[in-house]
Protein backbone atom coordinates (compact mmCIF):
# COMPACT_ATOMS: atom_id res chain seq x y z
CA MET A 1 101.68 134.16 165.13
CA THR A 2 102.74 137.03 167.35
CA ASP A 3 100.24 139.57 168.64
CA ILE A 4 101.51 143.16 168.62
CA GLY A 5 99.76 145.57 170.97
CA ASN A 6 97.87 148.64 169.81
CA GLU A 7 100.15 151.56 170.56
CA LEU A 8 97.41 154.06 169.77
CA SER A 9 95.35 152.63 172.70
CA ILE A 10 92.14 153.29 170.76
CA PRO A 11 89.99 150.50 169.25
CA TRP A 12 90.58 151.79 165.74
CA LEU A 13 89.59 148.62 163.95
CA SER A 14 86.23 148.48 165.69
CA LEU A 15 85.65 152.16 164.99
CA LEU A 16 86.47 151.63 161.32
CA THR A 17 84.33 148.53 161.10
CA PHE A 18 81.20 149.88 162.71
CA ALA A 19 81.33 153.55 161.63
CA PRO A 20 79.40 152.84 158.40
CA LEU A 21 76.51 151.52 160.51
CA LEU A 22 76.22 154.97 162.07
CA GLY A 23 75.85 156.40 158.58
CA ALA A 24 73.14 153.85 157.81
CA LEU A 25 71.28 154.84 160.99
CA LEU A 26 71.50 158.52 160.08
CA ILE A 27 69.98 157.81 156.66
CA MET A 28 67.18 155.82 158.28
CA PHE A 29 66.55 158.62 160.77
CA GLY A 30 66.48 161.27 158.04
CA ARG A 31 63.99 159.28 156.02
CA SER A 32 61.76 158.68 159.03
CA MET A 33 61.66 162.43 159.75
CA ALA A 34 60.60 163.35 156.20
CA LYS A 35 57.19 164.94 155.83
CA ARG A 36 54.45 162.61 154.59
CA ASP A 37 50.92 163.03 153.34
CA ALA A 38 47.80 161.51 154.85
CA ASN A 39 48.54 158.18 153.17
CA GLY A 40 52.05 158.06 154.59
CA ALA A 41 53.72 158.74 151.23
CA ILE A 42 56.60 161.18 150.85
CA ALA A 43 56.03 163.99 148.37
CA PRO A 44 58.20 163.85 145.20
CA ASP A 45 60.12 167.05 146.07
CA THR A 46 60.74 165.82 149.60
CA GLN A 47 61.76 162.41 148.26
CA ARG A 48 64.43 164.05 146.09
CA ASP A 49 65.78 165.82 149.16
CA VAL A 50 65.79 162.55 151.12
CA ASP A 51 67.61 160.76 148.29
CA ASN A 52 70.23 163.49 147.95
CA SER A 53 70.74 163.49 151.70
CA ALA A 54 71.24 159.71 151.66
CA ARG A 55 73.86 160.05 148.92
CA ARG A 56 75.73 162.74 150.82
CA VAL A 57 75.68 160.84 154.12
CA ALA A 58 76.90 157.65 152.45
CA LEU A 59 79.70 159.53 150.69
CA LEU A 60 80.67 161.37 153.88
CA PHE A 61 80.95 158.18 155.92
CA THR A 62 82.69 156.08 153.28
CA VAL A 63 85.23 158.83 152.56
CA GLY A 64 85.68 159.41 156.29
CA VAL A 65 86.29 155.71 156.93
CA PHE A 66 88.85 155.63 154.12
CA ILE A 67 90.71 158.66 155.49
CA VAL A 68 90.76 157.21 158.99
CA SER A 69 91.94 153.82 157.69
CA VAL A 70 94.88 155.50 155.94
CA PHE A 71 95.69 157.45 159.12
CA VAL A 72 95.57 154.30 161.25
CA TYR A 73 97.79 152.44 158.79
CA LEU A 74 100.37 155.23 158.67
CA SER A 75 100.30 155.95 162.40
CA GLY A 76 99.69 152.62 164.08
CA TYR A 77 100.77 149.82 161.74
CA ASP A 78 104.39 148.70 161.35
CA PRO A 79 104.78 146.90 157.98
CA SER A 80 108.14 145.45 159.02
CA ILE A 81 106.45 143.20 161.58
CA GLY A 82 104.74 140.00 160.48
CA GLY A 83 102.51 139.42 163.51
CA TYR A 84 99.05 140.73 164.30
CA GLN A 85 98.84 144.41 165.18
CA LEU A 86 96.20 146.84 166.43
CA VAL A 87 94.76 143.91 168.38
CA GLU A 88 91.52 144.42 170.31
CA GLU A 89 89.93 141.78 172.50
CA ALA A 90 86.93 141.61 174.82
CA ALA A 91 85.05 138.76 176.48
CA TRP A 92 81.90 137.84 174.60
CA LEU A 93 80.39 134.32 174.69
CA GLY A 94 82.06 131.94 177.12
CA GLY A 95 85.36 130.95 175.54
CA ILE A 96 84.52 132.95 172.41
CA ASN A 97 85.98 136.46 172.45
CA TYR A 98 85.39 139.45 170.27
CA LYS A 99 88.88 139.87 168.81
CA MET A 100 90.10 142.09 166.00
CA GLY A 101 93.53 142.62 164.48
CA VAL A 102 95.40 142.91 161.19
CA ASP A 103 98.67 141.75 159.69
CA GLY A 104 100.38 142.08 156.33
CA ILE A 105 97.97 139.58 154.77
CA SER A 106 94.85 141.51 155.77
CA VAL A 107 95.77 145.18 156.18
CA LEU A 108 95.87 145.99 152.45
CA PHE A 109 92.48 144.34 151.99
CA VAL A 110 91.14 146.67 154.68
CA LEU A 111 92.56 149.66 152.77
CA LEU A 112 91.25 148.29 149.47
CA THR A 113 87.78 147.94 150.98
CA THR A 114 87.66 151.45 152.42
CA PHE A 115 89.02 152.79 149.11
CA PHE A 116 86.37 151.17 146.90
CA PHE A 117 83.21 151.95 148.84
CA PRO A 118 83.28 155.72 148.23
CA ILE A 119 84.02 154.97 144.56
CA CYS A 120 80.89 152.83 144.43
CA VAL A 121 78.79 155.51 146.10
CA ILE A 122 79.98 158.09 143.55
CA ALA A 123 79.45 155.63 140.68
CA SER A 124 75.84 155.17 141.83
CA TRP A 125 75.17 158.90 142.20
CA THR A 126 72.91 159.25 139.15
CA SER A 127 72.37 155.66 137.99
CA ILE A 128 70.35 154.61 141.07
CA LYS A 129 67.04 156.45 141.11
CA ASP A 130 64.68 154.14 143.03
CA ARG A 131 64.84 153.51 146.78
CA VAL A 132 68.10 155.43 147.02
CA SER A 133 68.09 155.48 150.81
CA ASP A 134 67.74 151.71 151.03
CA TYR A 135 70.51 151.29 148.45
CA MET A 136 72.94 153.45 150.37
CA ILE A 137 72.05 151.71 153.64
CA ALA A 138 72.79 148.34 152.02
CA PHE A 139 76.21 149.53 150.91
CA LEU A 140 77.08 150.98 154.31
CA VAL A 141 76.03 147.78 156.08
CA MET A 142 78.05 145.74 153.60
CA GLU A 143 81.15 147.85 154.26
CA THR A 144 80.88 147.06 157.97
CA LEU A 145 80.52 143.35 157.31
CA VAL A 146 83.39 143.16 154.82
CA LEU A 147 85.75 145.09 157.09
CA GLY A 148 84.80 142.69 159.88
CA VAL A 149 85.83 139.74 157.71
CA PHE A 150 89.33 141.11 157.19
CA CYS A 151 89.80 142.21 160.82
CA ALA A 152 88.27 139.32 162.79
CA LEU A 153 90.69 137.16 164.79
CA ASP A 154 88.08 134.82 166.21
CA LEU A 155 86.51 132.12 164.06
CA VAL A 156 82.96 132.73 165.26
CA VAL A 157 83.27 136.50 164.80
CA PHE A 158 84.74 135.88 161.34
CA TYR A 159 81.91 133.53 160.43
CA LEU A 160 79.25 136.05 161.45
CA PHE A 161 80.79 138.79 159.34
CA PHE A 162 81.51 136.38 156.47
CA GLU A 163 77.93 135.12 156.27
CA GLY A 164 76.40 138.49 157.05
CA SER A 165 78.02 140.01 153.96
CA LEU A 166 75.70 137.84 151.83
CA ILE A 167 72.60 139.72 152.93
CA PRO A 168 73.26 143.25 151.59
CA MET A 169 74.68 141.89 148.33
CA PHE A 170 71.64 139.62 147.98
CA LEU A 171 69.43 142.72 148.29
CA ILE A 172 71.55 144.84 145.95
CA ILE A 173 71.30 142.22 143.21
CA GLY A 174 67.66 141.30 143.84
CA VAL A 175 66.23 144.82 144.25
CA TRP A 176 68.40 147.08 142.07
CA GLY A 177 69.54 144.56 139.47
CA SER A 178 68.70 144.48 135.78
CA LYS A 179 65.21 143.87 134.48
CA GLY A 180 64.28 140.69 132.66
CA VAL A 181 62.58 137.32 133.06
CA LYS A 182 64.21 133.96 133.69
CA GLU A 183 62.74 130.52 133.00
CA PHE A 184 63.74 128.04 135.70
CA ALA A 185 62.24 124.58 136.38
CA GLY A 186 59.03 125.57 134.59
CA TYR A 187 58.64 128.82 136.56
CA ARG A 188 59.06 132.38 135.38
CA MET A 189 60.82 134.77 137.72
CA SER A 190 62.72 138.02 137.56
CA SER A 191 66.28 137.47 136.30
CA ARG A 192 67.73 139.55 139.12
CA VAL A 193 65.80 137.56 141.74
CA TYR A 194 67.03 134.32 140.19
CA ALA A 195 70.64 135.59 140.26
CA ALA A 196 70.29 136.81 143.86
CA ILE A 197 68.85 133.49 145.07
CA LYS A 198 71.52 131.52 143.22
CA PHE A 199 74.25 133.73 144.72
CA PHE A 200 72.86 133.31 148.22
CA LEU A 201 72.29 129.55 148.06
CA TYR A 202 75.70 128.73 146.59
CA THR A 203 77.62 130.78 149.12
CA PHE A 204 75.46 129.93 152.12
CA ILE A 205 75.38 126.16 151.57
CA GLY A 206 79.14 126.09 151.14
CA SER A 207 79.60 127.89 154.44
CA VAL A 208 77.43 125.50 156.46
CA LEU A 209 80.21 122.91 156.38
CA MET A 210 82.65 125.51 157.67
CA LEU A 211 80.33 126.19 160.61
CA VAL A 212 80.29 122.49 161.50
CA ALA A 213 84.09 122.46 161.39
CA ILE A 214 84.28 125.54 163.63
CA LEU A 215 82.01 123.87 166.20
CA TRP A 216 84.18 120.73 166.18
CA MET A 217 87.36 122.78 166.64
CA TYR A 218 85.80 124.64 169.56
CA ALA A 219 84.70 121.37 171.16
CA GLN A 220 88.22 119.93 170.84
CA THR A 221 90.29 122.96 171.83
CA GLY A 222 87.93 125.08 173.93
CA THR A 223 88.71 128.18 171.88
CA THR A 224 87.97 129.83 168.55
CA ASP A 225 90.88 132.25 168.82
CA VAL A 226 92.57 132.34 165.40
CA PRO A 227 96.22 132.83 166.54
CA THR A 228 95.83 129.97 169.04
CA LEU A 229 94.30 127.64 166.46
CA GLN A 230 97.07 128.49 164.01
CA GLN A 231 99.52 127.04 166.52
CA THR A 232 97.41 123.93 167.20
CA ASN A 233 98.58 120.66 165.65
CA PHE A 234 95.40 118.91 164.58
CA PRO A 235 95.67 115.16 163.80
CA ALA A 236 96.19 114.30 160.15
CA GLY A 237 92.79 112.64 159.82
CA ALA A 238 91.02 115.62 161.36
CA GLN A 239 92.95 118.02 159.14
CA THR A 240 91.60 116.27 156.07
CA TRP A 241 87.93 116.78 156.74
CA LEU A 242 88.46 120.18 158.36
CA TRP A 243 90.32 121.32 155.26
CA TRP A 244 87.51 120.17 152.98
CA ALA A 245 84.90 121.87 155.18
CA PHE A 246 86.69 125.22 154.92
CA PHE A 247 87.49 124.60 151.27
CA ALA A 248 83.80 124.20 150.45
CA SER A 249 83.12 127.71 151.71
CA PHE A 250 86.13 129.51 150.30
CA ALA A 251 86.07 127.76 146.91
CA VAL A 252 82.52 128.98 146.30
CA LYS A 253 83.44 132.48 147.41
CA MET A 254 86.46 132.75 145.07
CA PRO A 255 84.75 131.24 142.99
CA MET A 256 86.64 128.16 141.81
CA TRP A 257 85.58 125.89 138.98
CA PRO A 258 83.10 124.10 139.00
CA VAL A 259 81.23 126.07 141.71
CA HIS A 260 81.63 129.34 139.80
CA THR A 261 78.33 129.39 137.92
CA TRP A 262 76.67 131.84 140.32
CA LEU A 263 79.18 134.58 139.49
CA PRO A 264 78.29 135.40 135.86
CA ASP A 265 74.59 135.62 136.73
CA ALA A 266 75.30 137.80 139.76
CA HIS A 267 77.53 140.15 137.77
CA VAL A 268 75.16 140.47 134.85
CA GLN A 269 72.17 141.28 137.05
CA ALA A 270 73.88 143.46 139.68
CA PRO A 271 73.99 147.25 139.26
CA THR A 272 77.39 148.61 138.27
CA ALA A 273 78.54 149.40 141.81
CA GLY A 274 77.40 145.96 142.98
CA SER A 275 79.54 144.33 140.29
CA VAL A 276 82.50 146.50 141.28
CA ILE A 277 82.31 145.50 144.95
CA LEU A 278 81.71 141.87 144.05
CA ALA A 279 84.79 141.76 141.80
CA ALA A 280 87.10 144.06 143.74
CA ILE A 281 86.34 142.95 147.30
CA LEU A 282 83.96 140.04 147.89
CA LEU A 283 85.80 137.54 145.67
CA LYS A 284 88.95 138.17 147.70
CA MET A 285 87.39 136.79 150.87
CA GLY A 286 87.86 133.24 149.56
CA GLY A 287 91.57 133.66 148.89
CA TYR A 288 91.99 135.47 152.19
CA GLY A 289 90.30 132.54 153.97
CA PHE A 290 92.72 130.05 152.41
CA LEU A 291 95.68 132.10 153.67
CA ARG A 292 94.27 132.88 157.10
CA PHE A 293 92.86 129.44 157.94
CA SER A 294 93.56 126.60 155.51
CA LEU A 295 97.34 126.87 155.18
CA PRO A 296 98.28 127.69 158.80
CA MET A 297 95.67 125.51 160.54
CA PHE A 298 95.71 122.48 158.22
CA PRO A 299 99.22 122.44 156.68
CA LEU A 300 99.38 118.70 156.08
CA ALA A 301 96.01 118.59 154.33
CA SER A 302 96.90 121.71 152.34
CA ALA A 303 100.03 120.00 151.05
CA ASP A 304 98.23 116.71 150.37
CA PHE A 305 95.41 118.32 148.38
CA ALA A 306 97.52 120.91 146.56
CA PRO A 307 97.46 118.79 143.35
CA VAL A 308 93.65 118.88 143.43
CA VAL A 309 93.72 122.66 143.75
CA PHE A 310 96.27 122.90 140.91
CA ALA A 311 94.02 120.85 138.65
CA LEU A 312 90.94 122.93 139.46
CA SER A 313 92.93 126.15 139.03
CA VAL A 314 94.25 125.15 135.61
CA VAL A 315 90.78 124.14 134.47
CA ALA A 316 89.44 127.47 135.71
CA ILE A 317 92.14 129.43 133.89
CA ILE A 318 91.73 127.64 130.55
CA TYR A 319 88.07 126.59 130.50
CA THR A 320 86.57 129.90 131.68
CA SER A 321 88.86 131.78 129.28
CA LEU A 322 87.41 129.72 126.42
CA VAL A 323 83.90 130.38 127.71
CA ALA A 324 84.72 134.11 127.86
CA LEU A 325 85.66 133.98 124.18
CA ALA A 326 82.11 132.93 123.33
CA GLN A 327 80.30 135.61 125.34
CA GLU A 328 78.17 138.31 123.74
CA ASP A 329 77.47 140.19 126.99
CA MET A 330 80.26 142.50 128.18
CA LYS A 331 79.61 141.94 131.86
CA LYS A 332 79.45 138.17 131.49
CA LEU A 333 82.75 138.16 129.60
CA ILE A 334 84.48 140.13 132.36
CA ALA A 335 82.87 137.89 134.98
CA TYR A 336 84.34 134.77 133.38
CA SER A 337 87.70 136.51 133.16
CA SER A 338 87.51 137.05 136.93
CA VAL A 339 87.11 133.30 137.46
CA ALA A 340 90.19 132.73 135.32
CA HIS A 341 92.24 135.29 137.23
CA MET A 342 91.18 133.83 140.56
CA GLY A 343 92.59 130.54 139.24
CA PHE A 344 96.03 132.15 139.37
CA VAL A 345 95.34 133.11 142.99
CA THR A 346 94.46 129.60 144.17
CA MET A 347 97.35 128.16 142.19
CA GLY A 348 99.78 130.56 143.84
CA ILE A 349 98.47 130.04 147.35
CA PHE A 350 98.78 126.27 147.31
CA THR A 351 102.28 126.22 145.83
CA GLY A 352 103.36 126.79 149.42
CA THR A 353 106.18 129.00 148.13
CA LYS A 354 106.95 132.58 149.04
CA GLN A 355 106.73 133.73 145.42
CA GLY A 356 103.45 131.96 144.85
CA ILE A 357 101.76 133.30 147.98
CA GLU A 358 103.01 136.85 147.52
CA GLY A 359 101.96 136.66 143.87
CA ALA A 360 98.49 135.51 144.90
CA LEU A 361 98.14 138.39 147.34
CA PHE A 362 99.36 140.89 144.77
CA GLN A 363 97.05 139.41 142.14
CA MET A 364 94.05 139.88 144.42
CA ILE A 365 94.91 143.53 145.05
CA SER A 366 95.65 144.17 141.37
CA HIS A 367 92.49 142.39 140.23
CA GLY A 368 90.52 144.68 142.50
CA PHE A 369 91.69 147.77 140.62
CA ILE A 370 91.58 146.32 137.11
CA SER A 371 88.39 144.25 137.24
CA GLY A 372 86.59 146.92 139.26
CA ALA A 373 87.55 149.48 136.62
CA LEU A 374 86.38 147.23 133.77
CA PHE A 375 82.94 146.93 135.35
CA LEU A 376 82.88 150.72 135.75
CA CYS A 377 83.74 150.98 132.04
CA VAL A 378 80.80 148.75 131.17
CA GLY A 379 78.62 150.89 133.43
CA VAL A 380 79.61 154.04 131.51
CA VAL A 381 78.15 152.81 128.21
CA TYR A 382 75.28 150.94 129.88
CA ASP A 383 74.07 154.16 131.53
CA ARG A 384 73.94 155.74 128.06
CA MET A 385 72.67 152.85 125.93
CA HIS A 386 70.99 150.51 128.47
CA THR A 387 72.45 147.41 126.87
CA ARG A 388 75.50 145.27 127.56
CA GLU A 389 75.38 143.35 124.29
CA ILE A 390 78.69 143.59 122.45
CA ALA A 391 76.88 143.58 119.10
CA ALA A 392 75.09 146.82 120.02
CA TYR A 393 78.36 148.72 119.88
CA GLY A 394 81.15 149.36 117.40
CA GLY A 395 83.25 152.35 116.41
CA LEU A 396 82.99 154.03 119.83
CA VAL A 397 86.54 155.35 119.48
CA HIS A 398 85.19 157.95 117.04
CA ARG A 399 82.80 159.39 119.64
CA MET A 400 84.50 158.46 122.92
CA PRO A 401 88.29 158.76 122.55
CA ALA A 402 88.96 159.29 126.28
CA TYR A 403 86.78 156.32 127.14
CA ALA A 404 88.55 154.21 124.51
CA PHE A 405 91.94 155.05 126.03
CA LEU A 406 90.82 154.12 129.54
CA PHE A 407 89.15 150.93 128.35
CA LEU A 408 92.32 149.98 126.43
CA PHE A 409 94.48 150.54 129.51
CA PHE A 410 92.39 148.29 131.72
CA THR A 411 92.06 145.73 128.94
CA MET A 412 95.86 145.57 128.77
CA GLY A 413 95.98 145.27 132.55
CA ASN A 414 93.52 142.39 132.39
CA VAL A 415 95.71 140.67 129.81
CA GLY A 416 98.77 141.05 132.04
CA LEU A 417 100.79 143.58 130.04
CA PRO A 418 104.15 144.33 131.72
CA GLY A 419 104.11 147.75 133.36
CA ILE A 420 100.54 147.31 134.66
CA SER A 421 99.81 145.61 137.98
CA GLY A 422 98.16 142.54 136.44
CA PHE A 423 101.50 141.31 135.13
CA VAL A 424 103.22 141.20 138.53
CA GLY A 425 100.77 138.88 140.26
CA GLU A 426 100.46 136.47 137.35
CA PHE A 427 104.22 136.29 136.86
CA LEU A 428 104.90 135.57 140.54
CA THR A 429 102.19 132.91 140.81
CA MET A 430 103.51 131.16 137.73
CA ALA A 431 107.09 131.42 139.06
CA GLY A 432 105.96 129.82 142.31
CA ALA A 433 104.06 127.11 140.42
CA PHE A 434 107.09 126.38 138.24
CA LYS A 435 109.09 125.48 141.35
CA VAL A 436 106.47 122.90 142.30
CA ASN A 437 105.20 121.61 138.95
CA ALA A 438 106.37 122.93 135.58
CA TRP A 439 103.28 121.60 133.78
CA VAL A 440 100.97 123.61 136.02
CA ALA A 441 102.92 126.75 135.17
CA PHE A 442 102.86 125.87 131.46
CA PHE A 443 99.08 125.49 131.30
CA ALA A 444 98.59 128.65 133.36
CA ALA A 445 100.78 130.52 130.87
CA PHE A 446 98.58 129.19 128.07
CA GLY A 447 95.67 130.79 129.87
CA VAL A 448 97.39 134.18 129.59
CA ILE A 449 97.32 133.79 125.79
CA LEU A 450 93.60 133.05 125.92
CA SER A 451 93.00 136.11 128.11
CA ALA A 452 94.58 138.25 125.40
CA ALA A 453 92.24 136.66 122.84
CA TYR A 454 88.96 137.40 124.64
CA ALA A 455 90.01 140.81 125.99
CA LEU A 456 91.24 142.11 122.64
CA ARG A 457 88.18 140.69 120.89
CA LEU A 458 85.96 142.67 123.25
CA PHE A 459 87.93 145.87 122.72
CA ARG A 460 88.01 145.48 118.94
CA GLN A 461 84.29 144.84 118.58
CA VAL A 462 83.25 147.67 120.88
CA MET A 463 85.74 150.35 119.90
CA TYR A 464 86.85 149.78 116.31
CA GLY A 465 85.04 149.68 112.99
CA GLU A 466 82.73 152.19 111.37
CA LEU A 467 80.29 154.13 113.50
CA THR A 468 77.13 152.98 111.75
CA LYS A 469 74.57 152.37 114.49
CA GLU A 470 72.19 155.29 114.84
CA PRO A 471 71.96 155.32 118.68
CA LEU A 472 75.76 155.67 118.89
CA MET A 473 75.95 158.78 116.71
CA THR A 474 75.33 161.13 119.62
CA ILE A 475 76.80 159.14 122.52
CA ALA A 476 78.81 161.35 124.88
CA ASP A 477 82.34 160.67 126.10
CA VAL A 478 83.13 160.15 129.79
CA ASN A 479 82.14 163.03 132.03
CA ASN A 480 84.32 164.50 134.77
CA ARG A 481 82.95 162.18 137.46
CA GLU A 482 83.58 159.05 135.38
CA LEU A 483 86.99 160.31 134.28
CA ALA A 484 88.03 160.95 137.87
CA LEU A 485 86.97 157.49 139.08
CA LEU A 486 88.63 155.61 136.24
CA GLY A 487 91.67 157.88 136.31
CA ILE A 488 92.32 157.14 139.99
CA LEU A 489 92.11 153.40 139.38
CA MET A 490 94.41 153.73 136.37
CA LEU A 491 97.05 155.52 138.45
CA PHE A 492 97.01 152.81 141.11
CA ALA A 493 97.24 150.00 138.54
CA LEU A 494 100.10 151.78 136.77
CA TYR A 495 101.97 152.61 139.99
CA LEU A 496 101.80 149.03 141.29
CA GLY A 497 102.76 147.70 137.88
CA VAL A 498 105.87 149.85 137.65
CA TYR A 499 106.82 149.79 141.34
CA PRO A 500 105.22 146.84 143.21
CA HIS A 501 107.66 147.04 146.14
CA PRO A 502 105.42 149.02 148.56
CA ALA A 503 102.74 146.31 148.48
CA MET A 504 105.26 143.47 148.51
CA ALA A 505 107.01 144.99 151.53
CA VAL A 506 103.74 144.88 153.46
CA PHE A 507 103.05 141.26 152.47
CA SER A 508 106.53 139.88 152.97
CA PRO A 509 106.95 139.73 156.79
CA SER A 510 103.55 138.09 157.28
CA VAL A 511 104.12 135.68 154.38
CA ASP A 512 107.49 134.72 155.92
CA LEU A 513 105.77 134.02 159.23
CA LEU A 514 103.02 132.05 157.46
CA MET A 515 105.63 130.01 155.60
CA ASN A 516 107.52 129.25 158.83
CA ASN A 517 104.35 128.07 160.55
CA PHE A 518 103.26 126.10 157.49
CA ASN A 519 106.60 124.31 157.20
CA ALA A 520 106.74 123.72 160.97
CA GLY A 521 103.29 122.16 160.78
CA LEU A 522 104.43 119.84 158.01
CA LEU A 523 107.51 118.81 160.00
CA SER A 524 105.56 118.15 163.19
CA ALA A 525 103.02 116.09 161.27
CA GLY A 526 105.82 114.15 159.62
CA GLY A 527 107.47 113.51 162.96
CA ALA A 528 104.19 112.33 164.43
């Protein structure tokens, strides 16, 4: 792939990536300067000031990073070019360089990341009351690590960011998650700690194999530069085990069936903003990894094992949709729906077709807005009622008409209603799959019917019926802050659903280049 120089001559990607760390340091400094008593404790009034300061600093830096990211995109990125742009490179460890850059496959994920972090800070403004400074620091550190994942053009640099992103999410789930007790192997532990450990172990163990593969590639080629490795023709036998090593990491991250079981627990236990980031951003790192590494570096293995991916994707779409139908917890239902929707992504990617890959990319962006909004919707009623059980609700439309409208919109987006962004991605992935295997497309389409069943069941049980439960009689509708957050996400989902061309125009040149390299890799392997 072609590298395009940075015409702005400023390391914008590095500034974007590491700016949130400066915000985290400022929060730490402000807390350390707070007045303390003889026992080292901060007085309650001072603690409130420290917490409010942490919120403001986190919001200032996340909003600032978003504004700068939009400026850099508009000023320094040319969406008509498929190669890497805004490239930065510096010597680091021997043949391993610190290298950053973006293309049409990654640049919208950078914008999506910088867009969602201020939303999560605002969503946490009143719901997080304990250790607020630590919470905001965790989010700022996570923003740095996630941005590094989407910008890194060196395998080792990518791996460090990729694995590092586990740590702040592990803390967010384990420290600020829901209360409760879990029985496991005869031991009793906090449910949030169990979910955090399960999340960490699943994702970390899967990535160990990828690290071994990276070391082997470095030993064979003398470089971990991503553009160089994308042009390297690895032997067919090596491609097989390298592909599986990377697959183990990215499949868990998506997550694909059957390594998806960590996700429902993580979503249920995470605070609302943690669930939003997990659904809107972190799940996309797996699909991004398939497109950045698996297809261009191991084209022959990707083609050979595409039927395996199709089978796993279809099982994910149908099986997890059926599991979602049986859920009584709102968050767990939406979590299983995320697994089903990521099945469309993996199916589209491994069709090896332009429609399938562009549909997968669009589905990931769309899922970010829709699934993120659904978790925010759950957070709205959870903050008021402190329960996620579907049975605890009913008839909310009588007390919360604005909330009911917003929830209905995102429910329809989750189902894939034409006119909302969810339809575009699913349609394109199924169109790409139909070119390769009509049965795969047929079973995926059956999954769309199941998604309508569980999504409409959730909406009916929560919103319709008589308002008979006493705690719901005085429940308040969405406030201005909640309305603004959900309204912004609704506008994006509607805009992309009606007019998807702006996003597709960004994807297309890079997808064309990826397809050319993928097909060239298949031809060279066939000739060999």
